[in-house]
Amino acid sequence: AKKLKGDGDAYENVPASALRVGDV
């Protein structure tokens, strides 16, 4: 997943298994 940092366009690549409810 490309998990967004804050409200901007910056993101970090993380495993899908690391995502939690509310992440964008």
PDBML (XML) file of the C-alpha atoms, coordinates in Angstrom:
<?xml version="1.0" encoding="UTF-8" ?>
<PDBx:datablock datablockName="MODEL"
   xmlns:PDBx="http://pdbml.pdb.org/schema/pdbx-v50.xsd"
   xmlns:xsi="http://www.w3.org/2001/XMLSchema-instance"
   xsi:schemaLocation="http://pdbml.pdb.org/schema/pdbx-v50.xsd pdbx-v50.xsd">
   <PDBx:atom_siteCategory>
      <PDBx:atom_site id="1">
         <PDBx:B_iso_or_equiv>0.00</PDBx:B_iso_or_equiv>
         <PDBx:Cartn_x>0.000</PDBx:Cartn_x>
         <PDBx:Cartn_y>0.000</PDBx:Cartn_y>
         <PDBx:Cartn_z>0.000</PDBx:Cartn_z>
         <PDBx:auth_asym_id>A</PDBx:auth_asym_id>
         <PDBx:auth_atom_id>CA</PDBx:auth_atom_id>
         <PDBx:auth_comp_id>ALA</PDBx:auth_comp_id>
         <PDBx:auth_seq_id>1</PDBx:auth_seq_id>
         <PDBx:group_PDB>ATOM</PDBx:group_PDB>
         <PDBx:label_alt_id xsi:nil="true" />
         <PDBx:label_asym_id>A</PDBx:label_asym_id>
         <PDBx:label_atom_id>CA</PDBx:label_atom_id>
         <PDBx:label_comp_id>ALA</PDBx:label_comp_id>
         <PDBx:label_entity_id>1</PDBx:label_entity_id>
         <PDBx:label_seq_id>1</PDBx:label_seq_id>
         <PDBx:occupancy>1.00</PDBx:occupancy>
         <PDBx:pdbx_PDB_model_num>1</PDBx:pdbx_PDB_model_num>
         <PDBx:type_symbol>C</PDBx:type_symbol>
      </PDBx:atom_site>
      <PDBx:atom_site id="2">
         <PDBx:B_iso_or_equiv>0.00</PDBx:B_iso_or_equiv>
         <PDBx:Cartn_x>0.958</PDBx:Cartn_x>
         <PDBx:Cartn_y>3.628</PDBx:Cartn_y>
         <PDBx:Cartn_z>-0.604</PDBx:Cartn_z>
         <PDBx:auth_asym_id>A</PDBx:auth_asym_id>
         <PDBx:auth_atom_id>CA</PDBx:auth_atom_id>
         <PDBx:auth_comp_id>LYS</PDBx:auth_comp_id>
         <PDBx:auth_seq_id>2</PDBx:auth_seq_id>
         <PDBx:group_PDB>ATOM</PDBx:group_PDB>
         <PDBx:label_alt_id xsi:nil="true" />
         <PDBx:label_asym_id>A</PDBx:label_asym_id>
         <PDBx:label_atom_id>CA</PDBx:label_atom_id>
         <PDBx:label_comp_id>LYS</PDBx:label_comp_id>
         <PDBx:label_entity_id>1</PDBx:label_entity_id>
         <PDBx:label_seq_id>2</PDBx:label_seq_id>
         <PDBx:occupancy>1.00</PDBx:occupancy>
         <PDBx:pdbx_PDB_model_num>1</PDBx:pdbx_PDB_model_num>
         <PDBx:type_symbol>C</PDBx:type_symbol>
      </PDBx:atom_site>
      <PDBx:atom_site id="3">
         <PDBx:B_iso_or_equiv>0.00</PDBx:B_iso_or_equiv>
         <PDBx:Cartn_x>-0.006</PDBx:Cartn_x>
         <PDBx:Cartn_y>4.972</PDBx:Cartn_y>
         <PDBx:Cartn_z>2.804</PDBx:Cartn_z>
         <PDBx:auth_asym_id>A</PDBx:auth_asym_id>
         <PDBx:auth_atom_id>CA</PDBx:auth_atom_id>
         <PDBx:auth_comp_id>LYS</PDBx:auth_comp_id>
         <PDBx:auth_seq_id>3</PDBx:auth_seq_id>
         <PDBx:group_PDB>ATOM</PDBx:group_PDB>
         <PDBx:label_alt_id xsi:nil="true" />
         <PDBx:label_asym_id>A</PDBx:label_asym_id>
         <PDBx:label_atom_id>CA</PDBx:label_atom_id>
         <PDBx:label_comp_id>LYS</PDBx:label_comp_id>
         <PDBx:label_entity_id>1</PDBx:label_entity_id>
         <PDBx:label_seq_id>3</PDBx:label_seq_id>
         <PDBx:occupancy>1.00</PDBx:occupancy>
         <PDBx:pdbx_PDB_model_num>1</PDBx:pdbx_PDB_model_num>
         <PDBx:type_symbol>C</PDBx:type_symbol>
      </PDBx:atom_site>
      <PDBx:atom_site id="4">
         <PDBx:B_iso_or_equiv>0.00</PDBx:B_iso_or_equiv>
         <PDBx:Cartn_x>-0.428</PDBx:Cartn_x>
         <PDBx:Cartn_y>8.749</PDBx:Cartn_y>
         <PDBx:Cartn_z>2.739</PDBx:Cartn_z>
         <PDBx:auth_asym_id>A</PDBx:auth_asym_id>
         <PDBx:auth_atom_id>CA</PDBx:auth_atom_id>
         <PDBx:auth_comp_id>LEU</PDBx:auth_comp_id>
         <PDBx:auth_seq_id>4</PDBx:auth_seq_id>
         <PDBx:group_PDB>ATOM</PDBx:group_PDB>
         <PDBx:label_alt_id xsi:nil="true" />
         <PDBx:label_asym_id>A</PDBx:label_asym_id>
         <PDBx:label_atom_id>CA</PDBx:label_atom_id>
         <PDBx:label_comp_id>LEU</PDBx:label_comp_id>
         <PDBx:label_entity_id>1</PDBx:label_entity_id>
         <PDBx:label_seq_id>4</PDBx:label_seq_id>
         <PDBx:occupancy>1.00</PDBx:occupancy>
         <PDBx:pdbx_PDB_model_num>1</PDBx:pdbx_PDB_model_num>
         <PDBx:type_symbol>C</PDBx:type_symbol>
      </PDBx:atom_site>
      <PDBx:atom_site id="5">
         <PDBx:B_iso_or_equiv>0.00</PDBx:B_iso_or_equiv>
         <PDBx:Cartn_x>1.354</PDBx:Cartn_x>
         <PDBx:Cartn_y>10.938</PDBx:Cartn_y>
         <PDBx:Cartn_z>5.278</PDBx:Cartn_z>
         <PDBx:auth_asym_id>A</PDBx:auth_asym_id>
         <PDBx:auth_atom_id>CA</PDBx:auth_atom_id>
         <PDBx:auth_comp_id>LYS</PDBx:auth_comp_id>
         <PDBx:auth_seq_id>5</PDBx:auth_seq_id>
         <PDBx:group_PDB>ATOM</PDBx:group_PDB>
         <PDBx:label_alt_id xsi:nil="true" />
         <PDBx:label_asym_id>A</PDBx:label_asym_id>
         <PDBx:label_atom_id>CA</PDBx:label_atom_id>
         <PDBx:label_comp_id>LYS</PDBx:label_comp_id>
         <PDBx:label_entity_id>1</PDBx:label_entity_id>
         <PDBx:label_seq_id>5</PDBx:label_seq_id>
         <PDBx:occupancy>1.00</PDBx:occupancy>
         <PDBx:pdbx_PDB_model_num>1</PDBx:pdbx_PDB_model_num>
         <PDBx:type_symbol>C</PDBx:type_symbol>
      </PDBx:atom_site>
      <PDBx:atom_site id="6">
         <PDBx:B_iso_or_equiv>0.00</PDBx:B_iso_or_equiv>
         <PDBx:Cartn_x>-1.015</PDBx:Cartn_x>
         <PDBx:Cartn_y>13.642</PDBx:Cartn_y>
         <PDBx:Cartn_z>6.464</PDBx:Cartn_z>
         <PDBx:auth_asym_id>A</PDBx:auth_asym_id>
         <PDBx:auth_atom_id>CA</PDBx:auth_atom_id>
         <PDBx:auth_comp_id>GLY</PDBx:auth_comp_id>
         <PDBx:auth_seq_id>6</PDBx:auth_seq_id>
         <PDBx:group_PDB>ATOM</PDBx:group_PDB>
         <PDBx:label_alt_id xsi:nil="true" />
         <PDBx:label_asym_id>A</PDBx:label_asym_id>
         <PDBx:label_atom_id>CA</PDBx:label_atom_id>
         <PDBx:label_comp_id>GLY</PDBx:label_comp_id>
         <PDBx:label_entity_id>1</PDBx:label_entity_id>
         <PDBx:label_seq_id>6</PDBx:label_seq_id>
         <PDBx:occupancy>1.00</PDBx:occupancy>
         <PDBx:pdbx_PDB_model_num>1</PDBx:pdbx_PDB_model_num>
         <PDBx:type_symbol>C</PDBx:type_symbol>
      </PDBx:atom_site>
      <PDBx:atom_site id="7">
         <PDBx:B_iso_or_equiv>0.00</PDBx:B_iso_or_equiv>
         <PDBx:Cartn_x>-3.108</PDBx:Cartn_x>
         <PDBx:Cartn_y>15.584</PDBx:Cartn_y>
         <PDBx:Cartn_z>3.959</PDBx:Cartn_z>
         <PDBx:auth_asym_id>A</PDBx:auth_asym_id>
         <PDBx:auth_atom_id>CA</PDBx:auth_atom_id>
         <PDBx:auth_comp_id>ASP</PDBx:auth_comp_id>
         <PDBx:auth_seq_id>7</PDBx:auth_seq_id>
         <PDBx:group_PDB>ATOM</PDBx:group_PDB>
         <PDBx:label_alt_id xsi:nil="true" />
         <PDBx:label_asym_id>A</PDBx:label_asym_id>
         <PDBx:label_atom_id>CA</PDBx:label_atom_id>
         <PDBx:label_comp_id>ASP</PDBx:label_comp_id>
         <PDBx:label_entity_id>1</PDBx:label_entity_id>
         <PDBx:label_seq_id>7</PDBx:label_seq_id>
         <PDBx:occupancy>1.00</PDBx:occupancy>
         <PDBx:pdbx_PDB_model_num>1</PDBx:pdbx_PDB_model_num>
         <PDBx:type_symbol>C</PDBx:type_symbol>
      </PDBx:atom_site>
      <PDBx:atom_site id="8">
         <PDBx:B_iso_or_equiv>0.00</PDBx:B_iso_or_equiv>
         <PDBx:Cartn_x>-0.466</PDBx:Cartn_x>
         <PDBx:Cartn_y>15.987</PDBx:Cartn_y>
         <PDBx:Cartn_z>1.263</PDBx:Cartn_z>
         <PDBx:auth_asym_id>A</PDBx:auth_asym_id>
         <PDBx:auth_atom_id>CA</PDBx:auth_atom_id>
         <PDBx:auth_comp_id>GLY</PDBx:auth_comp_id>
         <PDBx:auth_seq_id>8</PDBx:auth_seq_id>
         <PDBx:group_PDB>ATOM</PDBx:group_PDB>
         <PDBx:label_alt_id xsi:nil="true" />
         <PDBx:label_asym_id>A</PDBx:label_asym_id>
         <PDBx:label_atom_id>CA</PDBx:label_atom_id>
         <PDBx:label_comp_id>GLY</PDBx:label_comp_id>
         <PDBx:label_entity_id>1</PDBx:label_entity_id>
         <PDBx:label_seq_id>8</PDBx:label_seq_id>
         <PDBx:occupancy>1.00</PDBx:occupancy>
         <PDBx:pdbx_PDB_model_num>1</PDBx:pdbx_PDB_model_num>
         <PDBx:type_symbol>C</PDBx:type_symbol>
      </PDBx:atom_site>
      <PDBx:atom_site id="9">
         <PDBx:B_iso_or_equiv>0.00</PDBx:B_iso_or_equiv>
         <PDBx:Cartn_x>0.675</PDBx:Cartn_x>
         <PDBx:Cartn_y>13.742</PDBx:Cartn_y>
         <PDBx:Cartn_z>-1.581</PDBx:Cartn_z>
         <PDBx:auth_asym_id>A</PDBx:auth_asym_id>
         <PDBx:auth_atom_id>CA</PDBx:auth_atom_id>
         <PDBx:auth_comp_id>ASP</PDBx:auth_comp_id>
         <PDBx:auth_seq_id>9</PDBx:auth_seq_id>
         <PDBx:group_PDB>ATOM</PDBx:group_PDB>
         <PDBx:label_alt_id xsi:nil="true" />
         <PDBx:label_asym_id>A</PDBx:label_asym_id>
         <PDBx:label_atom_id>CA</PDBx:label_atom_id>
         <PDBx:label_comp_id>ASP</PDBx:label_comp_id>
         <PDBx:label_entity_id>1</PDBx:label_entity_id>
         <PDBx:label_seq_id>9</PDBx:label_seq_id>
         <PDBx:occupancy>1.00</PDBx:occupancy>
         <PDBx:pdbx_PDB_model_num>1</PDBx:pdbx_PDB_model_num>
         <PDBx:type_symbol>C</PDBx:type_symbol>
      </PDBx:atom_site>
      <PDBx:atom_site id="10">
         <PDBx:B_iso_or_equiv>0.00</PDBx:B_iso_or_equiv>
         <PDBx:Cartn_x>3.619</PDBx:Cartn_x>
         <PDBx:Cartn_y>12.214</PDBx:Cartn_y>
         <PDBx:Cartn_z>0.279</PDBx:Cartn_z>
         <PDBx:auth_asym_id>A</PDBx:auth_asym_id>
         <PDBx:auth_atom_id>CA</PDBx:auth_atom_id>
         <PDBx:auth_comp_id>ALA</PDBx:auth_comp_id>
         <PDBx:auth_seq_id>10</PDBx:auth_seq_id>
         <PDBx:group_PDB>ATOM</PDBx:group_PDB>
         <PDBx:label_alt_id xsi:nil="true" />
         <PDBx:label_asym_id>A</PDBx:label_asym_id>
         <PDBx:label_atom_id>CA</PDBx:label_atom_id>
         <PDBx:label_comp_id>ALA</PDBx:label_comp_id>
         <PDBx:label_entity_id>1</PDBx:label_entity_id>
         <PDBx:label_seq_id>10</PDBx:label_seq_id>
         <PDBx:occupancy>1.00</PDBx:occupancy>
         <PDBx:pdbx_PDB_model_num>1</PDBx:pdbx_PDB_model_num>
         <PDBx:type_symbol>C</PDBx:type_symbol>
      </PDBx:atom_site>
      <PDBx:atom_site id="11">
         <PDBx:B_iso_or_equiv>0.00</PDBx:B_iso_or_equiv>
         <PDBx:Cartn_x>3.314</PDBx:Cartn_x>
         <PDBx:Cartn_y>8.498</PDBx:Cartn_y>
         <PDBx:Cartn_z>0.991</PDBx:Cartn_z>
         <PDBx:auth_asym_id>A</PDBx:auth_asym_id>
         <PDBx:auth_atom_id>CA</PDBx:auth_atom_id>
         <PDBx:auth_comp_id>TYR</PDBx:auth_comp_id>
         <PDBx:auth_seq_id>11</PDBx:auth_seq_id>
         <PDBx:group_PDB>ATOM</PDBx:group_PDB>
         <PDBx:label_alt_id xsi:nil="true" />
         <PDBx:label_asym_id>A</PDBx:label_asym_id>
         <PDBx:label_atom_id>CA</PDBx:label_atom_id>
         <PDBx:label_comp_id>TYR</PDBx:label_comp_id>
         <PDBx:label_entity_id>1</PDBx:label_entity_id>
         <PDBx:label_seq_id>11</PDBx:label_seq_id>
         <PDBx:occupancy>1.00</PDBx:occupancy>
         <PDBx:pdbx_PDB_model_num>1</PDBx:pdbx_PDB_model_num>
         <PDBx:type_symbol>C</PDBx:type_symbol>
      </PDBx:atom_site>
      <PDBx:atom_site id="12">
         <PDBx:B_iso_or_equiv>0.00</PDBx:B_iso_or_equiv>
         <PDBx:Cartn_x>5.275</PDBx:Cartn_x>
         <PDBx:Cartn_y>5.512</PDBx:Cartn_y>
         <PDBx:Cartn_z>2.200</PDBx:Cartn_z>
         <PDBx:auth_asym_id>A</PDBx:auth_asym_id>
         <PDBx:auth_atom_id>CA</PDBx:auth_atom_id>
         <PDBx:auth_comp_id>GLU</PDBx:auth_comp_id>
         <PDBx:auth_seq_id>12</PDBx:auth_seq_id>
         <PDBx:group_PDB>ATOM</PDBx:group_PDB>
         <PDBx:label_alt_id xsi:nil="true" />
         <PDBx:label_asym_id>A</PDBx:label_asym_id>
         <PDBx:label_atom_id>CA</PDBx:label_atom_id>
         <PDBx:label_comp_id>GLU</PDBx:label_comp_id>
         <PDBx:label_entity_id>1</PDBx:label_entity_id>
         <PDBx:label_seq_id>12</PDBx:label_seq_id>
         <PDBx:occupancy>1.00</PDBx:occupancy>
         <PDBx:pdbx_PDB_model_num>1</PDBx:pdbx_PDB_model_num>
         <PDBx:type_symbol>C</PDBx:type_symbol>
      </PDBx:atom_site>
      <PDBx:atom_site id="13">
         <PDBx:B_iso_or_equiv>0.00</PDBx:B_iso_or_equiv>
         <PDBx:Cartn_x>5.132</PDBx:Cartn_x>
         <PDBx:Cartn_y>1.942</PDBx:Cartn_y>
         <PDBx:Cartn_z>0.904</PDBx:Cartn_z>
         <PDBx:auth_asym_id>A</PDBx:auth_asym_id>
         <PDBx:auth_atom_id>CA</PDBx:auth_atom_id>
         <PDBx:auth_comp_id>ASN</PDBx:auth_comp_id>
         <PDBx:auth_seq_id>13</PDBx:auth_seq_id>
         <PDBx:group_PDB>ATOM</PDBx:group_PDB>
         <PDBx:label_alt_id xsi:nil="true" />
         <PDBx:label_asym_id>A</PDBx:label_asym_id>
         <PDBx:label_atom_id>CA</PDBx:label_atom_id>
         <PDBx:label_comp_id>ASN</PDBx:label_comp_id>
         <PDBx:label_entity_id>1</PDBx:label_entity_id>
         <PDBx:label_seq_id>13</PDBx:label_seq_id>
         <PDBx:occupancy>1.00</PDBx:occupancy>
         <PDBx:pdbx_PDB_model_num>1</PDBx:pdbx_PDB_model_num>
         <PDBx:type_symbol>C</PDBx:type_symbol>
      </PDBx:atom_site>
      <PDBx:atom_site id="14">
         <PDBx:B_iso_or_equiv>0.00</PDBx:B_iso_or_equiv>
         <PDBx:Cartn_x>3.920</PDBx:Cartn_x>
         <PDBx:Cartn_y>-0.462</PDBx:Cartn_y>
         <PDBx:Cartn_z>3.586</PDBx:Cartn_z>
         <PDBx:auth_asym_id>A</PDBx:auth_asym_id>
         <PDBx:auth_atom_id>CA</PDBx:auth_atom_id>
         <PDBx:auth_comp_id>VAL</PDBx:auth_comp_id>
         <PDBx:auth_seq_id>14</PDBx:auth_seq_id>
         <PDBx:group_PDB>ATOM</PDBx:group_PDB>
         <PDBx:label_alt_id xsi:nil="true" />
         <PDBx:label_asym_id>A</PDBx:label_asym_id>
         <PDBx:label_atom_id>CA</PDBx:label_atom_id>
         <PDBx:label_comp_id>VAL</PDBx:label_comp_id>
         <PDBx:label_entity_id>1</PDBx:label_entity_id>
         <PDBx:label_seq_id>14</PDBx:label_seq_id>
         <PDBx:occupancy>1.00</PDBx:occupancy>
         <PDBx:pdbx_PDB_model_num>1</PDBx:pdbx_PDB_model_num>
         <PDBx:type_symbol>C</PDBx:type_symbol>
      </PDBx:atom_site>
      <PDBx:atom_site id="15">
         <PDBx:B_iso_or_equiv>0.00</PDBx:B_iso_or_equiv>
         <PDBx:Cartn_x>2.577</PDBx:Cartn_x>
         <PDBx:Cartn_y>-4.048</PDBx:Cartn_y>
         <PDBx:Cartn_z>3.583</PDBx:Cartn_z>
         <PDBx:auth_asym_id>A</PDBx:auth_asym_id>
         <PDBx:auth_atom_id>CA</PDBx:auth_atom_id>
         <PDBx:auth_comp_id>PRO</PDBx:auth_comp_id>
         <PDBx:auth_seq_id>15</PDBx:auth_seq_id>
         <PDBx:group_PDB>ATOM</PDBx:group_PDB>
         <PDBx:label_alt_id xsi:nil="true" />
         <PDBx:label_asym_id>A</PDBx:label_asym_id>
         <PDBx:label_atom_id>CA</PDBx:label_atom_id>
         <PDBx:label_comp_id>PRO</PDBx:label_comp_id>
         <PDBx:label_entity_id>1</PDBx:label_entity_id>
         <PDBx:label_seq_id>15</PDBx:label_seq_id>
         <PDBx:occupancy>1.00</PDBx:occupancy>
         <PDBx:pdbx_PDB_model_num>1</PDBx:pdbx_PDB_model_num>
         <PDBx:type_symbol>C</PDBx:type_symbol>
      </PDBx:atom_site>
      <PDBx:atom_site id="16">
         <PDBx:B_iso_or_equiv>0.00</PDBx:B_iso_or_equiv>
         <PDBx:Cartn_x>-1.199</PDBx:Cartn_x>
         <PDBx:Cartn_y>-4.217</PDBx:Cartn_y>
         <PDBx:Cartn_z>3.370</PDBx:Cartn_z>
         <PDBx:auth_asym_id>A</PDBx:auth_asym_id>
         <PDBx:auth_atom_id>CA</PDBx:auth_atom_id>
         <PDBx:auth_comp_id>ALA</PDBx:auth_comp_id>
         <PDBx:auth_seq_id>16</PDBx:auth_seq_id>
         <PDBx:group_PDB>ATOM</PDBx:group_PDB>
         <PDBx:label_alt_id xsi:nil="true" />
         <PDBx:label_asym_id>A</PDBx:label_asym_id>
         <PDBx:label_atom_id>CA</PDBx:label_atom_id>
         <PDBx:label_comp_id>ALA</PDBx:label_comp_id>
         <PDBx:label_entity_id>1</PDBx:label_entity_id>
         <PDBx:label_seq_id>16</PDBx:label_seq_id>
         <PDBx:occupancy>1.00</PDBx:occupancy>
         <PDBx:pdbx_PDB_model_num>1</PDBx:pdbx_PDB_model_num>
         <PDBx:type_symbol>C</PDBx:type_symbol>
      </PDBx:atom_site>
      <PDBx:atom_site id="17">
         <PDBx:B_iso_or_equiv>0.00</PDBx:B_iso_or_equiv>
         <PDBx:Cartn_x>-1.160</PDBx:Cartn_x>
         <PDBx:Cartn_y>-6.184</PDBx:Cartn_y>
         <PDBx:Cartn_z>6.614</PDBx:Cartn_z>
         <PDBx:auth_asym_id>A</PDBx:auth_asym_id>
         <PDBx:auth_atom_id>CA</PDBx:auth_atom_id>
         <PDBx:auth_comp_id>SER</PDBx:auth_comp_id>
         <PDBx:auth_seq_id>17</PDBx:auth_seq_id>
         <PDBx:group_PDB>ATOM</PDBx:group_PDB>
         <PDBx:label_alt_id xsi:nil="true" />
         <PDBx:label_asym_id>A</PDBx:label_asym_id>
         <PDBx:label_atom_id>CA</PDBx:label_atom_id>
         <PDBx:label_comp_id>SER</PDBx:label_comp_id>
         <PDBx:label_entity_id>1</PDBx:label_entity_id>
         <PDBx:label_seq_id>17</PDBx:label_seq_id>
         <PDBx:occupancy>1.00</PDBx:occupancy>
         <PDBx:pdbx_PDB_model_num>1</PDBx:pdbx_PDB_model_num>
         <PDBx:type_symbol>C</PDBx:type_symbol>
      </PDBx:atom_site>
      <PDBx:atom_site id="18">
         <PDBx:B_iso_or_equiv>0.00</PDBx:B_iso_or_equiv>
         <PDBx:Cartn_x>0.135</PDBx:Cartn_x>
         <PDBx:Cartn_y>-3.052</PDBx:Cartn_y>
         <PDBx:Cartn_z>8.388</PDBx:Cartn_z>
         <PDBx:auth_asym_id>A</PDBx:auth_asym_id>
         <PDBx:auth_atom_id>CA</PDBx:auth_atom_id>
         <PDBx:auth_comp_id>ALA</PDBx:auth_comp_id>
         <PDBx:auth_seq_id>18</PDBx:auth_seq_id>
         <PDBx:group_PDB>ATOM</PDBx:group_PDB>
         <PDBx:label_alt_id xsi:nil="true" />
         <PDBx:label_asym_id>A</PDBx:label_asym_id>
         <PDBx:label_atom_id>CA</PDBx:label_atom_id>
         <PDBx:label_comp_id>ALA</PDBx:label_comp_id>
         <PDBx:label_entity_id>1</PDBx:label_entity_id>
         <PDBx:label_seq_id>18</PDBx:label_seq_id>
         <PDBx:occupancy>1.00</PDBx:occupancy>
         <PDBx:pdbx_PDB_model_num>1</PDBx:pdbx_PDB_model_num>
         <PDBx:type_symbol>C</PDBx:type_symbol>
      </PDBx:atom_site>
      <PDBx:atom_site id="19">
         <PDBx:B_iso_or_equiv>0.00</PDBx:B_iso_or_equiv>
         <PDBx:Cartn_x>-2.935</PDBx:Cartn_x>
         <PDBx:Cartn_y>-0.966</PDBx:Cartn_y>
         <PDBx:Cartn_z>7.496</PDBx:Cartn_z>
         <PDBx:auth_asym_id>A</PDBx:auth_asym_id>
         <PDBx:auth_atom_id>CA</PDBx:auth_atom_id>
         <PDBx:auth_comp_id>LEU</PDBx:auth_comp_id>
         <PDBx:auth_seq_id>19</PDBx:auth_seq_id>
         <PDBx:group_PDB>ATOM</PDBx:group_PDB>
         <PDBx:label_alt_id xsi:nil="true" />
         <PDBx:label_asym_id>A</PDBx:label_asym_id>
         <PDBx:label_atom_id>CA</PDBx:label_atom_id>
         <PDBx:label_comp_id>LEU</PDBx:label_comp_id>
         <PDBx:label_entity_id>1</PDBx:label_entity_id>
         <PDBx:label_seq_id>19</PDBx:label_seq_id>
         <PDBx:occupancy>1.00</PDBx:occupancy>
         <PDBx:pdbx_PDB_model_num>1</PDBx:pdbx_PDB_model_num>
         <PDBx:type_symbol>C</PDBx:type_symbol>
      </PDBx:atom_site>
      <PDBx:atom_site id="20">
         <PDBx:B_iso_or_equiv>0.00</PDBx:B_iso_or_equiv>
         <PDBx:Cartn_x>-5.489</PDBx:Cartn_x>
         <PDBx:Cartn_y>-0.114</PDBx:Cartn_y>
         <PDBx:Cartn_z>10.134</PDBx:Cartn_z>
         <PDBx:auth_asym_id>A</PDBx:auth_asym_id>
         <PDBx:auth_atom_id>CA</PDBx:auth_atom_id>
         <PDBx:auth_comp_id>ARG</PDBx:auth_comp_id>
         <PDBx:auth_seq_id>20</PDBx:auth_seq_id>
         <PDBx:group_PDB>ATOM</PDBx:group_PDB>
         <PDBx:label_alt_id xsi:nil="true" />
         <PDBx:label_asym_id>A</PDBx:label_asym_id>
         <PDBx:label_atom_id>CA</PDBx:label_atom_id>
         <PDBx:label_comp_id>ARG</PDBx:label_comp_id>
         <PDBx:label_entity_id>1</PDBx:label_entity_id>
         <PDBx:label_seq_id>20</PDBx:label_seq_id>
         <PDBx:occupancy>1.00</PDBx:occupancy>
         <PDBx:pdbx_PDB_model_num>1</PDBx:pdbx_PDB_model_num>
         <PDBx:type_symbol>C</PDBx:type_symbol>
      </PDBx:atom_site>
      <PDBx:atom_site id="21">
         <PDBx:B_iso_or_equiv>0.00</PDBx:B_iso_or_equiv>
         <PDBx:Cartn_x>-9.000</PDBx:Cartn_x>
         <PDBx:Cartn_y>1.364</PDBx:Cartn_y>
         <PDBx:Cartn_z>10.116</PDBx:Cartn_z>
         <PDBx:auth_asym_id>A</PDBx:auth_asym_id>
         <PDBx:auth_atom_id>CA</PDBx:auth_atom_id>
         <PDBx:auth_comp_id>VAL</PDBx:auth_comp_id>
         <PDBx:auth_seq_id>21</PDBx:auth_seq_id>
         <PDBx:group_PDB>ATOM</PDBx:group_PDB>
         <PDBx:label_alt_id xsi:nil="true" />
         <PDBx:label_asym_id>A</PDBx:label_asym_id>
         <PDBx:label_atom_id>CA</PDBx:label_atom_id>
         <PDBx:label_comp_id>VAL</PDBx:label_comp_id>
         <PDBx:label_entity_id>1</PDBx:label_entity_id>
         <PDBx:label_seq_id>21</PDBx:label_seq_id>
         <PDBx:occupancy>1.00</PDBx:occupancy>
         <PDBx:pdbx_PDB_model_num>1</PDBx:pdbx_PDB_model_num>
         <PDBx:type_symbol>C</PDBx:type_symbol>
      </PDBx:atom_site>
      <PDBx:atom_site id="22">
         <PDBx:B_iso_or_equiv>0.00</PDBx:B_iso_or_equiv>
         <PDBx:Cartn_x>-8.835</PDBx:Cartn_x>
         <PDBx:Cartn_y>5.055</PDBx:Cartn_y>
         <PDBx:Cartn_z>9.257</PDBx:Cartn_z>
         <PDBx:auth_asym_id>A</PDBx:auth_asym_id>
         <PDBx:auth_atom_id>CA</PDBx:auth_atom_id>
         <PDBx:auth_comp_id>GLY</PDBx:auth_comp_id>
         <PDBx:auth_seq_id>22</PDBx:auth_seq_id>
         <PDBx:group_PDB>ATOM</PDBx:group_PDB>
         <PDBx:label_alt_id xsi:nil="true" />
         <PDBx:label_asym_id>A</PDBx:label_asym_id>
         <PDBx:label_atom_id>CA</PDBx:label_atom_id>
         <PDBx:label_comp_id>GLY</PDBx:label_comp_id>
         <PDBx:label_entity_id>1</PDBx:label_entity_id>
         <PDBx:label_seq_id>22</PDBx:label_seq_id>
         <PDBx:occupancy>1.00</PDBx:occupancy>
         <PDBx:pdbx_PDB_model_num>1</PDBx:pdbx_PDB_model_num>
         <PDBx:type_symbol>C</PDBx:type_symbol>
      </PDBx:atom_site>
      <PDBx:atom_site id="23">
         <PDBx:B_iso_or_equiv>0.00</PDBx:B_iso_or_equiv>
         <PDBx:Cartn_x>-5.600</PDBx:Cartn_x>
         <PDBx:Cartn_y>4.936</PDBx:Cartn_y>
         <PDBx:Cartn_z>7.246</PDBx:Cartn_z>
         <PDBx:auth_asym_id>A</PDBx:auth_asym_id>
         <PDBx:auth_atom_id>CA</PDBx:auth_atom_id>
         <PDBx:auth_comp_id>ASP</PDBx:auth_comp_id>
         <PDBx:auth_seq_id>23</PDBx:auth_seq_id>
         <PDBx:group_PDB>ATOM</PDBx:group_PDB>
         <PDBx:label_alt_id xsi:nil="true" />
         <PDBx:label_asym_id>A</PDBx:label_asym_id>
         <PDBx:label_atom_id>CA</PDBx:label_atom_id>
         <PDBx:label_comp_id>ASP</PDBx:label_comp_id>
         <PDBx:label_entity_id>1</PDBx:label_entity_id>
         <PDBx:label_seq_id>23</PDBx:label_seq_id>
         <PDBx:occupancy>1.00</PDBx:occupancy>
         <PDBx:pdbx_PDB_model_num>1</PDBx:pdbx_PDB_model_num>
         <PDBx:type_symbol>C</PDBx:type_symbol>
      </PDBx:atom_site>
      <PDBx:atom_site id="24">
         <PDBx:B_iso_or_equiv>0.00</PDBx:B_iso_or_equiv>
         <PDBx:Cartn_x>-5.777</PDBx:Cartn_x>
         <PDBx:Cartn_y>6.608</PDBx:Cartn_y>
         <PDBx:Cartn_z>3.821</PDBx:Cartn_z>
         <PDBx:auth_asym_id>A</PDBx:auth_asym_id>
         <PDBx:auth_atom_id>CA</PDBx:auth_atom_id>
         <PDBx:auth_comp_id>VAL</PDBx:auth_comp_id>
         <PDBx:auth_seq_id>24</PDBx:auth_seq_id>
         <PDBx:group_PDB>ATOM</PDBx:group_PDB>
         <PDBx:label_alt_id xsi:nil="true" />
         <PDBx:label_asym_id>A</PDBx:label_asym_id>
         <PDBx:label_atom_id>CA</PDBx:label_atom_id>
         <PDBx:label_comp_id>VAL</PDBx:label_comp_id>
         <PDBx:label_entity_id>1</PDBx:label_entity_id>
         <PDBx:label_seq_id>24</PDBx:label_seq_id>
         <PDBx:occupancy>1.00</PDBx:occupancy>
         <PDBx:pdbx_PDB_model_num>1</PDBx:pdbx_PDB_model_num>
         <PDBx:type_symbol>C</PDBx:type_symbol>
      </PDBx:atom_site>
   </PDBx:atom_siteCategory>
</PDBx:datablock>
